[in-house]
Amino acid sequence: MSRPVRIFWKIFLIGFGSFVLFLALLNWGVFGEMPSLAELENPNIIQASEVYGDDGTLMGKYVKEKGNRRNVNYNDISKNVIQALIATEDKRFYDHSGIDGKGVLRAVFLLGSKGGGSTITQQLALNMFAERASNPVKRVMQKLKEWIIAVKLERNFTKQEIIALYLNTVPYSDNVYGIR
């Protein structure tokens, strides 16, 4: 066998072996617990419980854990807000399926100085399903988990649904979550 052919097979086998190892580690839960398909299809978005009196007046709101918010439908979101979100967070939102390869490479090679590599869908995955990492090794594992969840979200939701879910779960200040 010629040298170029041996090099090709060596690279191919290392790549294939790495892929199989990655799938095995994922299956064994090394990346942490992954959300089930049911959890992805029916996300549990915590929102305030509103208590109304007999006369229909709001008596109070009670919140568990993540804050106080009401969900907003995609059609109720200003087109300007959607355009601003895409322009600032993910210019190629409509061109990728959860992971933006160009954005990842830009973030790696420029060390995040020209913006991060996370897509809107990856940020949604982090907001809804992933734990925030405390050290660099856990951050790499978190990023892999975000990628997997982002691809699953893209397969199960339309781009409009992803935008609405993102805007309903994005954290703002003072324990406020969501656009409304």
C-alpha atoms as a PDB file:
ATOM      1  CA  MET A   1       0.000   0.000   0.000  1.00  0.00           C
ATOM      2  CA  SER A   2       1.348   3.443  -0.902  1.00  0.00           C
ATOM      3  CA  ARG A   3       2.082   6.030   1.773  1.00  0.00           C
ATOM      4  CA  PRO A   4      -0.817   8.423   0.887  1.00  0.00           C
ATOM      5  CA  VAL A   5      -3.305   5.538   1.068  1.00  0.00           C
ATOM      6  CA  ARG A   6      -1.992   4.487   4.509  1.00  0.00           C
ATOM      7  CA  ILE A   7      -2.243   8.080   5.742  1.00  0.00           C
ATOM      8  CA  PHE A   8      -5.816   8.312   4.449  1.00  0.00           C
ATOM      9  CA  TRP A   9      -6.849   5.098   6.218  1.00  0.00           C
ATOM     10  CA  LYS A  10      -5.106   6.130   9.418  1.00  0.00           C
ATOM     11  CA  ILE A  11      -6.933   9.471   9.447  1.00  0.00           C
ATOM     12  CA  PHE A  12     -10.221   7.799   8.527  1.00  0.00           C
ATOM     13  CA  LEU A  13      -9.928   5.173  11.278  1.00  0.00           C
ATOM     14  CA  ILE A  14      -8.936   7.744  13.900  1.00  0.00           C
ATOM     15  CA  GLY A  15     -11.882   9.947  12.885  1.00  0.00           C
ATOM     16  CA  PHE A  16     -14.321   7.037  12.849  1.00  0.00           C
ATOM     17  CA  GLY A  17     -13.016   5.757  16.190  1.00  0.00           C
ATOM     18  CA  SER A  18     -13.342   9.225  17.710  1.00  0.00           C
ATOM     19  CA  PHE A  19     -16.925   9.470  16.471  1.00  0.00           C
ATOM     20  CA  VAL A  20     -17.815   6.049  17.929  1.00  0.00           C
ATOM     21  CA  LEU A  21     -16.134   7.001  21.227  1.00  0.00           C
ATOM     22  CA  PHE A  22     -18.090  10.269  21.278  1.00  0.00           C
ATOM     23  CA  LEU A  23     -21.378   8.401  20.791  1.00  0.00           C
ATOM     24  CA  ALA A  24     -20.460   5.894  23.507  1.00  0.00           C
ATOM     25  CA  LEU A  25     -19.576   8.682  25.959  1.00  0.00           C
ATOM     26  CA  LEU A  26     -22.829  10.421  25.123  1.00  0.00           C
ATOM     27  CA  ASN A  27     -24.747   7.195  25.708  1.00  0.00           C
ATOM     28  CA  TRP A  28     -23.025   6.651  29.075  1.00  0.00           C
ATOM     29  CA  GLY A  29     -24.012  10.115  30.252  1.00  0.00           C
ATOM     30  CA  VAL A  30     -20.520  11.617  30.381  1.00  0.00           C
ATOM     31  CA  PHE A  31     -21.937  14.886  29.066  1.00  0.00           C
ATOM     32  CA  GLY A  32     -24.591  14.904  31.756  1.00  0.00           C
ATOM     33  CA  GLU A  33     -28.225  14.056  31.497  1.00  0.00           C
ATOM     34  CA  MET A  34     -29.675  14.870  28.115  1.00  0.00           C
ATOM     35  CA  PRO A  35     -33.309  15.925  27.788  1.00  0.00           C
ATOM     36  CA  SER A  36     -35.640  13.318  26.391  1.00  0.00           C
ATOM     37  CA  LEU A  37     -37.513  13.809  23.136  1.00  0.00           C
ATOM     38  CA  ALA A  38     -40.681  14.432  25.179  1.00  0.00           C
ATOM     39  CA  GLU A  39     -38.924  17.191  27.161  1.00  0.00           C
ATOM     40  CA  LEU A  40     -37.715  18.794  23.928  1.00  0.00           C
ATOM     41  CA  GLU A  41     -41.148  18.642  22.325  1.00  0.00           C
ATOM     42  CA  ASN A  42     -42.921  19.936  25.454  1.00  0.00           C
ATOM     43  CA  PRO A  43     -40.515  22.276  27.220  1.00  0.00           C
ATOM     44  CA  ASN A  44     -41.370  23.164  30.798  1.00  0.00           C
ATOM     45  CA  ILE A  45     -41.120  26.933  30.825  1.00  0.00           C
ATOM     46  CA  ILE A  46     -41.620  28.113  34.370  1.00  0.00           C
ATOM     47  CA  GLN A  47     -43.829  31.148  34.679  1.00  0.00           C
ATOM     48  CA  ALA A  48     -45.707  32.971  37.390  1.00  0.00           C
ATOM     49  CA  SER A  49     -48.985  31.635  38.734  1.00  0.00           C
ATOM     50  CA  GLU A  50     -51.585  34.384  38.688  1.00  0.00           C
ATOM     51  CA  VAL A  51     -54.337  34.412  41.315  1.00  0.00           C
ATOM     52  CA  TYR A  52     -57.557  36.263  40.445  1.00  0.00           C
ATOM     53  CA  GLY A  53     -60.372  37.310  42.749  1.00  0.00           C
ATOM     54  CA  ASP A  54     -64.089  36.691  42.177  1.00  0.00           C
ATOM     55  CA  ASP A  55     -64.368  40.037  40.428  1.00  0.00           C
ATOM     56  CA  GLY A  56     -61.559  39.166  37.990  1.00  0.00           C
ATOM     57  CA  THR A  57     -58.898  41.431  39.491  1.00  0.00           C
ATOM     58  CA  LEU A  58     -55.369  40.134  39.806  1.00  0.00           C
ATOM     59  CA  MET A  59     -54.654  39.505  43.485  1.00  0.00           C
ATOM     60  CA  GLY A  60     -51.066  38.343  43.156  1.00  0.00           C
ATOM     61  CA  LYS A  61     -48.397  36.452  41.271  1.00  0.00           C
ATOM     62  CA  TYR A  62     -46.455  33.580  42.742  1.00  0.00           C
ATOM     63  CA  VAL A  63     -43.228  32.405  41.210  1.00  0.00           C
ATOM     64  CA  LYS A  64     -41.191  29.253  41.641  1.00  0.00           C
ATOM     65  CA  GLU A  65     -37.428  29.440  41.048  1.00  0.00           C
ATOM     66  CA  LYS A  66     -36.700  31.106  37.714  1.00  0.00           C
ATOM     67  CA  GLY A  67     -38.723  34.266  37.804  1.00  0.00           C
ATOM     68  CA  ASN A  68     -41.837  36.048  36.744  1.00  0.00           C
ATOM     69  CA  ARG A  69     -42.928  35.988  33.131  1.00  0.00           C
ATOM     70  CA  ARG A  70     -45.741  35.373  30.690  1.00  0.00           C
ATOM     71  CA  ASN A  71     -45.073  33.743  27.348  1.00  0.00           C
ATOM     72  CA  VAL A  72     -45.543  35.676  24.141  1.00  0.00           C
ATOM     73  CA  ASN A  73     -46.504  34.159  20.777  1.00  0.00           C
ATOM     74  CA  TYR A  74     -44.293  34.648  17.719  1.00  0.00           C
ATOM     75  CA  ASN A  75     -47.010  36.632  15.908  1.00  0.00           C
ATOM     76  CA  ASP A  76     -47.165  39.079  18.838  1.00  0.00           C
ATOM     77  CA  ILE A  77     -43.441  39.867  18.658  1.00  0.00           C
ATOM     78  CA  SER A  78     -42.448  42.998  16.756  1.00  0.00           C
ATOM     79  CA  LYS A  79     -40.597  42.269  13.514  1.00  0.00           C
ATOM     80  CA  ASN A  80     -38.050  44.876  14.634  1.00  0.00           C
ATOM     81  CA  VAL A  81     -37.299  42.837  17.767  1.00  0.00           C
ATOM     82  CA  ILE A  82     -36.852  39.684  15.672  1.00  0.00           C
ATOM     83  CA  GLN A  83     -34.595  41.462  13.174  1.00  0.00           C
ATOM     84  CA  ALA A  84     -32.549  43.015  16.001  1.00  0.00           C
ATOM     85  CA  LEU A  85     -32.191  39.619  17.704  1.00  0.00           C
ATOM     86  CA  ILE A  86     -30.966  37.939  14.527  1.00  0.00           C
ATOM     87  CA  ALA A  87     -28.659  40.844  13.614  1.00  0.00           C
ATOM     88  CA  THR A  88     -26.980  40.868  17.024  1.00  0.00           C
ATOM     89  CA  GLU A  89     -27.032  37.214  18.062  1.00  0.00           C
ATOM     90  CA  ASP A  90     -27.022  34.997  14.961  1.00  0.00           C
ATOM     91  CA  LYS A  91     -26.781  36.562  11.481  1.00  0.00           C
ATOM     92  CA  ARG A  92     -26.953  33.154   9.781  1.00  0.00           C
ATOM     93  CA  PHE A  93     -29.934  31.944  11.857  1.00  0.00           C
ATOM     94  CA  TYR A  94     -31.988  30.933   8.815  1.00  0.00           C
ATOM     95  CA  ASP A  95     -29.000  29.249   7.122  1.00  0.00           C
ATOM     96  CA  HIS A  96     -27.919  26.646   9.706  1.00  0.00           C
ATOM     97  CA  SER A  97     -29.509  23.771  11.573  1.00  0.00           C
ATOM     98  CA  GLY A  98     -28.470  24.583  15.129  1.00  0.00           C
ATOM     99  CA  ILE A  99     -24.702  24.917  14.841  1.00  0.00           C
ATOM    100  CA  ASP A 100     -22.998  27.651  12.819  1.00  0.00           C
ATOM    101  CA  GLY A 101     -19.654  26.228  11.700  1.00  0.00           C
ATOM    102  CA  LYS A 102     -18.348  29.633  10.592  1.00  0.00           C
ATOM    103  CA  GLY A 103     -19.295  31.150  13.934  1.00  0.00           C
ATOM    104  CA  VAL A 104     -17.605  28.345  15.871  1.00  0.00           C
ATOM    105  CA  LEU A 105     -14.398  28.684  13.844  1.00  0.00           C
ATOM    106  CA  ARG A 106     -14.444  32.469  14.234  1.00  0.00           C
ATOM    107  CA  ALA A 107     -14.884  32.166  18.011  1.00  0.00           C
ATOM    108  CA  VAL A 108     -12.076  29.585  18.283  1.00  0.00           C
ATOM    109  CA  PHE A 109      -9.530  31.371  16.102  1.00  0.00           C
ATOM    110  CA  LEU A 110     -10.299  34.884  17.330  1.00  0.00           C
ATOM    111  CA  LEU A 111     -10.787  33.711  20.945  1.00  0.00           C
ATOM    112  CA  GLY A 112     -14.230  35.290  21.110  1.00  0.00           C
ATOM    113  CA  SER A 113     -12.936  38.819  20.464  1.00  0.00           C
ATOM    114  CA  LYS A 114     -15.286  39.251  17.479  1.00  0.00           C
ATOM    115  CA  GLY A 115     -18.320  37.685  19.170  1.00  0.00           C
ATOM    116  CA  GLY A 116     -19.216  34.237  20.402  1.00  0.00           C
ATOM    117  CA  GLY A 117     -19.902  31.204  18.276  1.00  0.00           C
ATOM    118  CA  SER A 118     -23.212  30.204  19.852  1.00  0.00           C
ATOM    119  CA  THR A 119     -26.342  30.337  17.735  1.00  0.00           C
ATOM    120  CA  ILE A 120     -29.745  31.440  19.001  1.00  0.00           C
ATOM    121  CA  THR A 121     -30.699  27.758  19.135  1.00  0.00           C
ATOM    122  CA  GLN A 122     -27.610  26.895  21.212  1.00  0.00           C
ATOM    123  CA  GLN A 123     -28.413  29.739  23.602  1.00  0.00           C
ATOM    124  CA  LEU A 124     -31.969  28.401  23.857  1.00  0.00           C
ATOM    125  CA  ALA A 125     -30.575  24.947  24.647  1.00  0.00           C
ATOM    126  CA  LEU A 126     -28.449  26.463  27.406  1.00  0.00           C
ATOM    127  CA  ASN A 127     -31.364  28.501  28.792  1.00  0.00           C
ATOM    128  CA  MET A 128     -33.729  25.535  28.859  1.00  0.00           C
ATOM    129  CA  PHE A 129     -31.724  22.382  29.443  1.00  0.00           C
ATOM    130  CA  ALA A 130     -28.042  22.837  30.277  1.00  0.00           C
ATOM    131  CA  GLU A 131     -26.263  23.727  33.491  1.00  0.00           C
ATOM    132  CA  ARG A 132     -23.872  26.670  33.381  1.00  0.00           C
ATOM    133  CA  ALA A 133     -20.306  25.364  33.575  1.00  0.00           C
ATOM    134  CA  SER A 134     -17.929  26.517  36.289  1.00  0.00           C
ATOM    135  CA  ASN A 135     -14.568  25.514  34.768  1.00  0.00           C
ATOM    136  CA  PRO A 136     -13.047  25.190  31.261  1.00  0.00           C
ATOM    137  CA  VAL A 137     -13.300  21.380  31.069  1.00  0.00           C
ATOM    138  CA  LYS A 138     -16.962  21.430  32.058  1.00  0.00           C
ATOM    139  CA  ARG A 139     -17.487  24.302  29.615  1.00  0.00           C
ATOM    140  CA  VAL A 140     -16.277  22.138  26.724  1.00  0.00           C
ATOM    141  CA  MET A 141     -18.654  19.352  27.789  1.00  0.00           C
ATOM    142  CA  GLN A 142     -21.452  21.901  28.152  1.00  0.00           C
ATOM    143  CA  LYS A 143     -20.768  23.202  24.642  1.00  0.00           C
ATOM    144  CA  LEU A 144     -20.992  19.664  23.193  1.00  0.00           C
ATOM    145  CA  LYS A 145     -24.262  19.129  25.035  1.00  0.00           C
ATOM    146  CA  GLU A 146     -25.573  22.464  23.700  1.00  0.00           C
ATOM    147  CA  TRP A 147     -24.713  21.383  20.148  1.00  0.00           C
ATOM    148  CA  ILE A 148     -26.580  18.096  20.489  1.00  0.00           C
ATOM    149  CA  ILE A 149     -29.638  19.731  22.048  1.00  0.00           C
ATOM    150  CA  ALA A 150     -29.568  22.559  19.468  1.00  0.00           C
ATOM    151  CA  VAL A 151     -29.675  20.088  16.581  1.00  0.00           C
ATOM    152  CA  LYS A 152     -32.563  18.237  18.251  1.00  0.00           C
ATOM    153  CA  LEU A 153     -34.425  21.522  18.786  1.00  0.00           C
ATOM    154  CA  GLU A 154     -33.942  22.460  15.127  1.00  0.00           C
ATOM    155  CA  ARG A 155     -35.402  19.100  14.091  1.00  0.00           C
ATOM    156  CA  ASN A 156     -38.469  19.496  16.317  1.00  0.00           C
ATOM    157  CA  PHE A 157     -39.318  23.204  16.024  1.00  0.00           C
ATOM    158  CA  THR A 158     -39.673  25.767  13.246  1.00  0.00           C
ATOM    159  CA  LYS A 159     -37.379  28.786  13.194  1.00  0.00           C
ATOM    160  CA  GLN A 160     -40.314  30.945  14.337  1.00  0.00           C
ATOM    161  CA  GLU A 161     -40.975  28.639  17.302  1.00  0.00           C
ATOM    162  CA  ILE A 162     -37.277  28.735  18.233  1.00  0.00           C
ATOM    163  CA  ILE A 163     -37.290  32.547  18.207  1.00  0.00           C
ATOM    164  CA  ALA A 164     -40.419  32.654  20.381  1.00  0.00           C
ATOM    165  CA  LEU A 165     -39.009  30.063  22.804  1.00  0.00           C
ATOM    166  CA  TYR A 166     -35.723  31.971  22.993  1.00  0.00           C
ATOM    167  CA  LEU A 167     -37.395  35.312  23.666  1.00  0.00           C
ATOM    168  CA  ASN A 168     -39.602  33.660  26.305  1.00  0.00           C
ATOM    169  CA  THR A 169     -36.636  32.126  28.157  1.00  0.00           C
ATOM    170  CA  VAL A 170     -33.783  34.615  27.791  1.00  0.00           C
ATOM    171  CA  PRO A 171     -32.681  35.962  31.184  1.00  0.00           C
ATOM    172  CA  TYR A 172     -32.696  39.696  31.748  1.00  0.00           C
ATOM    173  CA  SER A 173     -31.766  41.442  34.988  1.00  0.00           C
ATOM    174  CA  ASP A 174     -33.443  41.269  38.408  1.00  0.00           C
ATOM    175  CA  ASN A 175     -34.671  37.674  38.040  1.00  0.00           C
ATOM    176  CA  VAL A 176     -36.731  38.573  34.958  1.00  0.00           C
ATOM    177  CA  TYR A 177     -36.991  35.939  32.235  1.00  0.00           C
ATOM    178  CA  GLY A 178     -38.627  36.408  28.862  1.00  0.00           C
ATOM    179  CA  ILE A 179     -39.557  39.325  26.663  1.00  0.00           C
ATOM    180  CA  ARG A 180     -42.891  40.136  28.308  1.00  0.00           C
END
